[in-house]
C-alpha atoms as a PDB file:
ATOM      1  CA  MET A   1      -7.720 -22.837 -49.322  1.00  0.00           C
ATOM      2  CA  LYS A   2      -8.915 -19.270 -48.962  1.00  0.00           C
ATOM      3  CA  PRO A   3      -6.669 -16.824 -47.066  1.00  0.00           C
ATOM      4  CA  LEU A   4      -9.099 -16.602 -44.115  1.00  0.00           C
ATOM      5  CA  GLU A   5      -9.269 -20.406 -43.842  1.00  0.00           C
ATOM      6  CA  THR A   6      -5.478 -20.677 -44.047  1.00  0.00           C
ATOM      7  CA  GLU A   7      -5.032 -18.059 -41.337  1.00  0.00           C
ATOM      8  CA  PHE A   8      -7.613 -19.790 -39.113  1.00  0.00           C
ATOM      9  CA  THR A   9      -6.017 -23.210 -39.641  1.00  0.00           C
ATOM     10  CA  GLN A  10      -2.608 -21.834 -38.654  1.00  0.00           C
ATOM     11  CA  LEU A  11      -4.024 -20.171 -35.541  1.00  0.00           C
ATOM     12  CA  VAL A  12      -5.712 -23.420 -34.468  1.00  0.00           C
ATOM     13  CA  LYS A  13      -2.508 -25.410 -35.072  1.00  0.00           C
ATOM     14  CA  GLU A  14      -0.565 -22.977 -32.885  1.00  0.00           C
ATOM     15  CA  HIS A  15      -3.116 -23.116 -30.042  1.00  0.00           C
ATOM     16  CA  ARG A  16      -4.626 -26.612 -30.258  1.00  0.00           C
ATOM     17  CA  THR A  17      -2.948 -27.676 -27.019  1.00  0.00           C
ATOM     18  CA  THR A  18      -4.535 -24.750 -25.188  1.00  0.00           C
ATOM     19  CA  ILE A  19      -7.965 -25.606 -26.576  1.00  0.00           C
ATOM     20  CA  TYR A  20      -7.586 -29.283 -25.697  1.00  0.00           C
ATOM     21  CA  THR A  21      -6.356 -28.471 -22.176  1.00  0.00           C
ATOM     22  CA  VAL A  22      -9.420 -26.345 -21.481  1.00  0.00           C
ATOM     23  CA  CYS A  23     -11.749 -29.051 -22.806  1.00  0.00           C
ATOM     24  CA  TYR A  24      -9.943 -31.704 -20.758  1.00  0.00           C
ATOM     25  CA  MET A  25     -10.362 -29.707 -17.547  1.00  0.00           C
ATOM     26  CA  PHE A  26     -14.095 -29.337 -18.104  1.00  0.00           C
ATOM     27  CA  SER A  27     -14.919 -32.975 -18.763  1.00  0.00           C
ATOM     28  CA  GLN A  28     -13.949 -36.367 -17.441  1.00  0.00           C
ATOM     29  CA  ASP A  29     -15.123 -38.250 -20.521  1.00  0.00           C
ATOM     30  CA  ALA A  30     -12.843 -38.632 -23.567  1.00  0.00           C
ATOM     31  CA  ASP A  31     -15.714 -38.458 -26.069  1.00  0.00           C
ATOM     32  CA  GLU A  32     -17.094 -35.347 -24.407  1.00  0.00           C
ATOM     33  CA  VAL A  33     -13.629 -33.729 -24.491  1.00  0.00           C
ATOM     34  CA  ASN A  34     -13.527 -34.333 -28.249  1.00  0.00           C
ATOM     35  CA  ASP A  35     -17.057 -32.940 -28.630  1.00  0.00           C
ATOM     36  CA  LEU A  36     -16.107 -29.839 -26.634  1.00  0.00           C
ATOM     37  CA  PHE A  37     -12.985 -29.418 -28.764  1.00  0.00           C
ATOM     38  CA  GLN A  38     -15.117 -29.467 -31.918  1.00  0.00           C
ATOM     39  CA  GLU A  39     -17.594 -27.021 -30.389  1.00  0.00           C
ATOM     40  CA  VAL A  40     -14.755 -24.634 -29.488  1.00  0.00           C
ATOM     41  CA  LEU A  41     -13.453 -24.813 -33.065  1.00  0.00           C
ATOM     42  CA  ILE A  42     -16.924 -24.026 -34.418  1.00  0.00           C
ATOM     43  CA  ASN A  43     -17.265 -21.036 -32.089  1.00  0.00           C
ATOM     44  CA  LEU A  44     -13.775 -19.801 -32.943  1.00  0.00           C
ATOM     45  CA  TRP A  45     -14.554 -20.063 -36.649  1.00  0.00           C
ATOM     46  CA  LYS A  46     -17.846 -18.192 -36.193  1.00  0.00           C
ATOM     47  CA  GLY A  47     -16.018 -15.338 -34.465  1.00  0.00           C
ATOM     48  CA  PHE A  48     -12.843 -15.387 -36.518  1.00  0.00           C
ATOM     49  CA  SER A  49     -13.950 -13.009 -39.261  1.00  0.00           C
ATOM     50  CA  GLY A  50     -14.634 -10.389 -36.560  1.00  0.00           C
ATOM     51  CA  PHE A  51     -11.327 -10.919 -34.763  1.00  0.00           C
ATOM     52  CA  ARG A  52      -9.107  -7.935 -35.546  1.00  0.00           C
ATOM     53  CA  TYR A  53      -5.958  -8.861 -33.594  1.00  0.00           C
ATOM     54  CA  GLU A  54      -6.579  -5.888 -31.298  1.00  0.00           C
ATOM     55  CA  SER A  55      -6.072  -8.300 -28.421  1.00  0.00           C
ATOM     56  CA  ASN A  56      -3.624 -11.157 -28.175  1.00  0.00           C
ATOM     57  CA  PRO A  57      -4.892 -14.191 -30.160  1.00  0.00           C
ATOM     58  CA  LYS A  58      -3.955 -16.435 -27.235  1.00  0.00           C
ATOM     59  CA  THR A  59      -6.202 -14.406 -24.906  1.00  0.00           C
ATOM     60  CA  TRP A  60      -9.050 -14.595 -27.426  1.00  0.00           C
ATOM     61  CA  ILE A  61      -8.655 -18.384 -27.758  1.00  0.00           C
ATOM     62  CA  TRP A  62      -8.534 -18.902 -23.981  1.00  0.00           C
ATOM     63  CA  ARG A  63     -11.667 -16.822 -23.494  1.00  0.00           C
ATOM     64  CA  ALA A  64     -13.575 -18.523 -26.332  1.00  0.00           C
ATOM     65  CA  SER A  65     -12.531 -21.987 -25.134  1.00  0.00           C
ATOM     66  CA  LEU A  66     -13.488 -21.297 -21.526  1.00  0.00           C
ATOM     67  CA  ASN A  67     -16.803 -19.700 -22.494  1.00  0.00           C
ATOM     68  CA  THR A  68     -17.689 -22.637 -24.745  1.00  0.00           C
ATOM     69  CA  CYS A  69     -16.865 -25.234 -22.087  1.00  0.00           C
ATOM     70  CA  ILE A  70     -18.639 -23.348 -19.304  1.00  0.00           C
ATOM     71  CA  SER A  71     -21.732 -22.879 -21.485  1.00  0.00           C
ATOM     72  CA  ALA A  72     -21.719 -26.558 -22.437  1.00  0.00           C
ATOM     73  CA  GLY A  73     -21.542 -27.443 -18.744  1.00  0.00           C
ATOM     74  CA  ARG A  74     -24.556 -25.260 -18.002  1.00  0.00           C
ATOM     75  CA  LYS A  75     -26.529 -26.805 -20.875  1.00  0.00           C
ATOM     76  CA  LYS A  76     -25.624 -30.287 -19.659  1.00  0.00           C
ATOM     77  CA  LYS A  77     -26.846 -29.497 -16.135  1.00  0.00           C
ATOM     78  CA  SER A  78     -30.123 -28.056 -17.398  1.00  0.00           C
ATOM     79  CA  HIS A  79     -30.773 -31.091 -19.629  1.00  0.00           C
ATOM     80  CA  GLY A  80     -30.050 -33.651 -16.941  1.00  0.00           C
ATOM     81  CA  ILE A  81     -27.336 -36.211 -16.633  1.00  0.00           C
ATOM     82  CA  SER A  82     -26.221 -38.238 -19.617  1.00  0.00           C
ATOM     83  CA  VAL A  83     -24.897 -41.722 -19.191  1.00  0.00           C
ATOM     84  CA  PRO A  84     -22.053 -42.548 -21.587  1.00  0.00           C
ATOM     85  CA  LEU A  85     -21.724 -46.026 -23.030  1.00  0.00           C
ATOM     86  CA  SER A  86     -18.794 -47.904 -21.605  1.00  0.00           C
ATOM     87  CA  MET A  87     -16.629 -50.615 -23.089  1.00  0.00           C
ATOM     88  CA  ASN A  88     -15.069 -51.289 -19.670  1.00  0.00           C
ATOM     89  CA  ILE A  89     -11.665 -50.468 -21.120  1.00  0.00           C
ATOM     90  CA  ASN A  90      -9.532 -47.714 -19.652  1.00  0.00           C
ATOM     91  CA  LEU A  91      -6.555 -46.940 -21.841  1.00  0.00           C
ATOM     92  CA  PHE A  92      -5.477 -44.189 -19.448  1.00  0.00           C
ATOM     93  CA  GLU A  93      -5.150 -46.468 -16.411  1.00  0.00           C
ATOM     94  CA  ASP A  94      -1.744 -46.005 -14.884  1.00  0.00           C
ATOM     95  CA  SER A  95      -0.874 -46.746 -11.309  1.00  0.00           C
ATOM     96  CA  ASP A  96       2.437 -44.967 -10.713  1.00  0.00           C
ATOM     97  CA  GLU A  97       2.555 -42.383  -7.905  1.00  0.00           C
ATOM     98  CA  ASP A  98       2.879 -39.317 -10.155  1.00  0.00           C
ATOM     99  CA  THR A  99      -0.143 -40.338 -12.197  1.00  0.00           C
ATOM    100  CA  ARG A 100      -2.166 -40.975  -9.030  1.00  0.00           C
ATOM    101  CA  GLN A 101      -1.320 -37.515  -7.680  1.00  0.00           C
ATOM    102  CA  ILE A 102      -2.175 -35.836 -10.980  1.00  0.00           C
ATOM    103  CA  LYS A 103      -5.509 -37.659 -11.072  1.00  0.00           C
ATOM    104  CA  MET A 104      -6.201 -36.654  -7.464  1.00  0.00           C
ATOM    105  CA  LEU A 105      -5.474 -32.996  -8.237  1.00  0.00           C
ATOM    106  CA  ARG A 106      -7.623 -33.126 -11.382  1.00  0.00           C
ATOM    107  CA  GLU A 107     -10.527 -34.618  -9.388  1.00  0.00           C
ATOM    108  CA  ARG A 108     -10.267 -31.837  -6.829  1.00  0.00           C
ATOM    109  CA  ILE A 109     -10.028 -29.119  -9.465  1.00  0.00           C
ATOM    110  CA  HIS A 110     -13.025 -30.611 -11.266  1.00  0.00           C
ATOM    111  CA  ARG A 111     -15.119 -30.127  -8.099  1.00  0.00           C
ATOM    112  CA  LEU A 112     -14.488 -26.374  -8.146  1.00  0.00           C
ATOM    113  CA  GLY A 113     -16.996 -24.035  -9.745  1.00  0.00           C
ATOM    114  CA  ALA A 114     -16.461 -23.296 -13.433  1.00  0.00           C
ATOM    115  CA  PHE A 115     -15.032 -19.805 -12.841  1.00  0.00           C
ATOM    116  CA  ASP A 116     -12.543 -20.994 -10.208  1.00  0.00           C
ATOM    117  CA  ARG A 117     -11.616 -23.976 -12.381  1.00  0.00           C
ATOM    118  CA  ALA A 118     -10.860 -21.578 -15.235  1.00  0.00           C
ATOM    119  CA  ILE A 119      -8.612 -19.457 -13.005  1.00  0.00           C
ATOM    120  CA  VAL A 120      -6.688 -22.518 -11.762  1.00  0.00           C
ATOM    121  CA  LEU A 121      -6.278 -23.820 -15.298  1.00  0.00           C
ATOM    122  CA  LEU A 122      -4.862 -20.513 -16.493  1.00  0.00           C
ATOM    123  CA  TRP A 123      -2.553 -20.345 -13.463  1.00  0.00           C
ATOM    124  CA  LEU A 124      -1.333 -23.904 -14.120  1.00  0.00           C
ATOM    125  CA  GLU A 125      -0.512 -22.791 -17.661  1.00  0.00           C
ATOM    126  CA  ASN A 126       1.860 -20.195 -16.131  1.00  0.00           C
ATOM    127  CA  LEU A 127      -0.086 -17.175 -17.324  1.00  0.00           C
ATOM    128  CA  SER A 128       0.533 -13.980 -15.394  1.00  0.00           C
ATOM    129  CA  TYR A 129      -2.138 -12.604 -13.087  1.00  0.00           C
ATOM    130  CA  GLU A 130      -2.632  -9.779 -15.602  1.00  0.00           C
ATOM    131  CA  GLU A 131      -3.196 -12.264 -18.451  1.00  0.00           C
ATOM    132  CA  ILE A 132      -5.573 -14.353 -16.330  1.00  0.00           C
ATOM    133  CA  GLY A 133      -7.493 -11.225 -15.369  1.00  0.00           C
ATOM    134  CA  ALA A 134      -7.759 -10.143 -19.009  1.00  0.00           C
ATOM    135  CA  ILE A 135      -9.141 -13.538 -20.010  1.00  0.00           C
ATOM    136  CA  VAL A 136     -11.694 -13.949 -17.214  1.00  0.00           C
ATOM    137  CA  GLY A 137     -12.564 -10.273 -16.820  1.00  0.00           C
ATOM    138  CA  ILE A 138     -11.274  -9.417 -13.336  1.00  0.00           C
ATOM    139  CA  THR A 139      -8.332  -7.411 -11.992  1.00  0.00           C
ATOM    140  CA  ALA A 140      -4.914  -8.962 -11.379  1.00  0.00           C
ATOM    141  CA  LYS A 141      -5.373  -8.253  -7.648  1.00  0.00           C
ATOM    142  CA  ASN A 142      -8.680 -10.119  -7.682  1.00  0.00           C
ATOM    143  CA  VAL A 143      -6.940 -13.043  -9.447  1.00  0.00           C
ATOM    144  CA  SER A 144      -4.397 -13.122  -6.614  1.00  0.00           C
ATOM    145  CA  VAL A 145      -7.086 -13.155  -3.925  1.00  0.00           C
ATOM    146  CA  ARG A 146      -9.176 -15.791  -5.705  1.00  0.00           C
ATOM    147  CA  LEU A 147      -6.148 -18.045  -6.274  1.00  0.00           C
ATOM    148  CA  TYR A 148      -5.280 -17.891  -2.582  1.00  0.00           C
ATOM    149  CA  ARG A 149      -8.844 -18.882  -1.659  1.00  0.00           C
ATOM    150  CA  ILE A 150      -8.948 -21.609  -4.298  1.00  0.00           C
ATOM    151  CA  LYS A 151      -5.671 -23.107  -3.065  1.00  0.00           C
ATOM    152  CA  GLU A 152      -7.029 -23.154   0.492  1.00  0.00           C
ATOM    153  CA  GLN A 153     -10.215 -24.797  -0.752  1.00  0.00           C
ATOM    154  CA  LEU A 154      -8.231 -27.461  -2.645  1.00  0.00           C
ATOM    155  CA  LYS A 155      -6.178 -28.209   0.480  1.00  0.00           C
ATOM    156  CA  GLN A 156      -9.363 -28.772   2.491  1.00  0.00           C
ATOM    157  CA  MET A 157     -10.866 -31.217   0.006  1.00  0.00           C
ATOM    158  CA  SER A 158     -10.661 -34.949   0.398  1.00  0.00           C
ATOM    159  CA  ASN A 159     -10.996 -37.272  -2.561  1.00  0.00           C
ATOM    160  CA  HIS A 160     -14.035 -39.065  -1.236  1.00  0.00           C
END
């Protein structure tokens, strides 16, 4: 493997959970999550030769992942709704209380706009307001205000 490919492979290995988490929060379909993951990797590879480590690699990966997923969501909306094939098998079905609450929270978060969803996702990953602001392009104070409003919005939602 060439040095650039080796470096890229290592970076992806270190941050694959971050990439997958972003993709998971922007889709409710397992195949689409995998497609988004691949699309993020392609976009990261395209931009990797220009990445100079002037910013934190984690910040760069978050931003690229979020931008890819948000753009894919916009493309999907403009091309209409796709209907995935179903085998009527749900390997993720679990009925314990914790799983139900996690699913409920995920459903509510998924109903937020893409920008707010990105902020919540970063907050759930325990990033500081400064880090979140750097990734999404707003001030830390604005992150604080938006998170407060988002939390209030989530509280007001029902799951119907």
